[in-house]
Amino acid sequence: METKTELRDDAVVLEVTGEVDSYTSPLLHEHLDKAFTQAAERKRVVVLDMTGVDFLASSGLSVLVEYHLRGADHGTPLRVVAPGGSSLRALRATTLNELIQLYDSVEQALTRR
């Protein structure tokens, strides 16, 4: 798994590529923690771009739920970009797509108010 973080005026965009499994999900947790800390400093949202994720295991889904709830509790929304592929399939199979805000692109996630 690889990540890249971009700070924007109104968002912290975390791009994740590769596999999110039991081995790499602690890294996702670590990077989301940093993103949420940065976002809270300036009242930004966190956009998690999972377009390049090839595999999303249940451990990765657990991290998404944790940060969705954290964002809801602290007023820092988590917006997940999952236009297709294994990420979207995993989110739909577990019905987490009904809980977590999903978007087709980073631009779409950034323009939502």
Protein backbone atom coordinates (compact mmCIF):
# COMPACT_ATOMS: atom_id res chain seq x y z
CA MET A 1 0.00 0.00 0.00
CA GLU A 2 1.19 3.48 -0.86
CA THR A 3 -0.23 6.82 0.18
CA LYS A 4 0.06 10.43 -0.88
CA THR A 5 -1.37 13.37 1.06
CA GLU A 6 -2.32 16.71 -0.44
CA LEU A 7 -3.40 19.72 1.60
CA ARG A 8 -6.00 21.90 -0.08
CA ASP A 9 -7.77 25.02 1.15
CA ASP A 10 -10.84 23.14 2.35
CA ALA A 11 -9.67 19.51 2.48
CA VAL A 12 -6.95 17.02 3.23
CA VAL A 13 -6.86 14.52 0.35
CA LEU A 14 -5.32 11.14 1.15
CA GLU A 15 -4.75 8.97 -1.91
CA VAL A 16 -4.29 5.25 -1.26
CA THR A 17 -3.11 2.71 -3.82
CA GLY A 18 -2.43 -1.01 -3.64
CA GLU A 19 -3.87 -3.50 -1.18
CA VAL A 20 -5.49 -2.67 2.16
CA ASP A 21 -5.37 -5.86 4.20
CA SER A 22 -4.52 -6.95 7.73
CA TYR A 23 -0.87 -6.15 7.10
CA THR A 24 -1.37 -2.64 5.66
CA SER A 25 -4.51 -1.48 7.49
CA PRO A 26 -2.44 -0.19 10.47
CA LEU A 27 -0.66 2.08 7.96
CA LEU A 28 -4.01 3.31 6.68
CA HIS A 29 -5.02 3.98 10.28
CA GLU A 30 -1.81 5.95 10.85
CA HIS A 31 -2.23 8.05 7.70
CA LEU A 32 -5.90 8.76 8.40
CA ASP A 33 -4.99 9.81 11.92
CA LYS A 34 -2.53 12.36 10.53
CA ALA A 35 -5.06 13.52 7.93
CA PHE A 36 -7.74 14.05 10.57
CA THR A 37 -5.32 15.96 12.79
CA GLN A 38 -4.39 18.23 9.88
CA ALA A 39 -8.04 18.67 8.88
CA ALA A 40 -9.15 19.59 12.40
CA GLU A 41 -6.56 22.38 12.60
CA ARG A 42 -8.31 24.34 9.83
CA LYS A 43 -11.85 22.93 9.76
CA ARG A 44 -11.23 20.90 6.61
CA VAL A 45 -12.84 17.68 5.42
CA VAL A 46 -10.89 14.49 4.78
CA VAL A 47 -11.17 12.98 1.31
CA LEU A 48 -9.91 9.40 1.08
CA ASP A 49 -9.25 8.54 -2.56
CA MET A 50 -9.40 4.76 -2.92
CA THR A 51 -9.55 4.74 -6.72
CA GLY A 52 -6.23 2.89 -6.90
CA VAL A 53 -7.00 0.29 -4.23
CA ASP A 54 -6.81 -3.23 -5.69
CA PHE A 55 -8.03 -5.10 -2.61
CA LEU A 56 -9.93 -3.98 0.50
CA ALA A 57 -10.12 -6.48 3.36
CA SER A 58 -12.36 -6.38 6.41
CA SER A 59 -9.54 -4.86 8.47
CA GLY A 60 -9.49 -1.90 6.09
CA LEU A 61 -13.27 -1.59 6.28
CA SER A 62 -12.98 -1.43 10.06
CA VAL A 63 -10.56 1.49 9.76
CA LEU A 64 -13.02 3.31 7.49
CA VAL A 65 -15.85 2.82 9.97
CA GLU A 66 -13.68 4.05 12.83
CA TYR A 67 -12.76 7.25 11.00
CA HIS A 68 -16.25 7.80 9.69
CA LEU A 69 -17.48 7.75 13.30
CA ARG A 70 -14.59 9.91 14.47
CA GLY A 71 -15.39 12.45 11.78
CA ALA A 72 -19.07 12.47 12.71
CA ASP A 73 -18.21 12.98 16.38
CA HIS A 74 -15.73 15.81 15.75
CA GLY A 75 -17.30 17.60 12.78
CA THR A 76 -14.63 16.49 10.32
CA PRO A 77 -16.42 14.58 7.56
CA LEU A 78 -14.79 11.60 5.86
CA ARG A 79 -15.58 11.49 2.15
CA VAL A 80 -14.51 8.30 0.39
CA VAL A 81 -13.81 8.19 -3.34
CA ALA A 82 -14.55 4.68 -4.59
CA PRO A 83 -15.83 4.84 -8.17
CA GLY A 84 -15.59 1.09 -8.77
CA GLY A 85 -13.42 -1.94 -8.34
CA SER A 86 -12.80 -3.94 -5.21
CA SER A 87 -13.26 -1.00 -2.82
CA LEU A 88 -16.77 -0.27 -4.02
CA ARG A 89 -17.65 -3.97 -4.11
CA ALA A 90 -16.48 -4.45 -0.50
CA LEU A 91 -18.35 -1.36 0.70
CA ARG A 92 -21.55 -2.49 -1.02
CA ALA A 93 -21.23 -6.11 0.13
CA THR A 94 -21.09 -4.95 3.74
CA THR A 95 -23.70 -2.18 3.17
CA LEU A 96 -21.18 0.37 4.43
CA ASN A 97 -22.03 2.40 1.34
CA GLU A 98 -25.22 3.30 3.22
CA LEU A 99 -23.21 4.67 6.15
CA ILE A 100 -20.15 6.25 4.55
CA GLN A 101 -20.37 9.07 1.99
CA LEU A 102 -19.07 7.72 -1.34
CA TYR A 103 -18.07 9.74 -4.40
CA ASP A 104 -17.01 8.95 -7.96
CA SER A 105 -14.09 11.42 -8.01
CA VAL A 106 -12.01 13.64 -5.78
CA GLU A 107 -13.48 16.68 -7.54
CA GLN A 108 -17.01 15.52 -6.73
CA ALA A 109 -16.07 14.97 -3.07
CA LEU A 110 -14.49 18.42 -2.88
CA THR A 111 -17.43 20.27 -4.42
CA ARG A 112 -20.04 18.75 -2.10
CA ARG A 113 -21.03 21.12 0.67
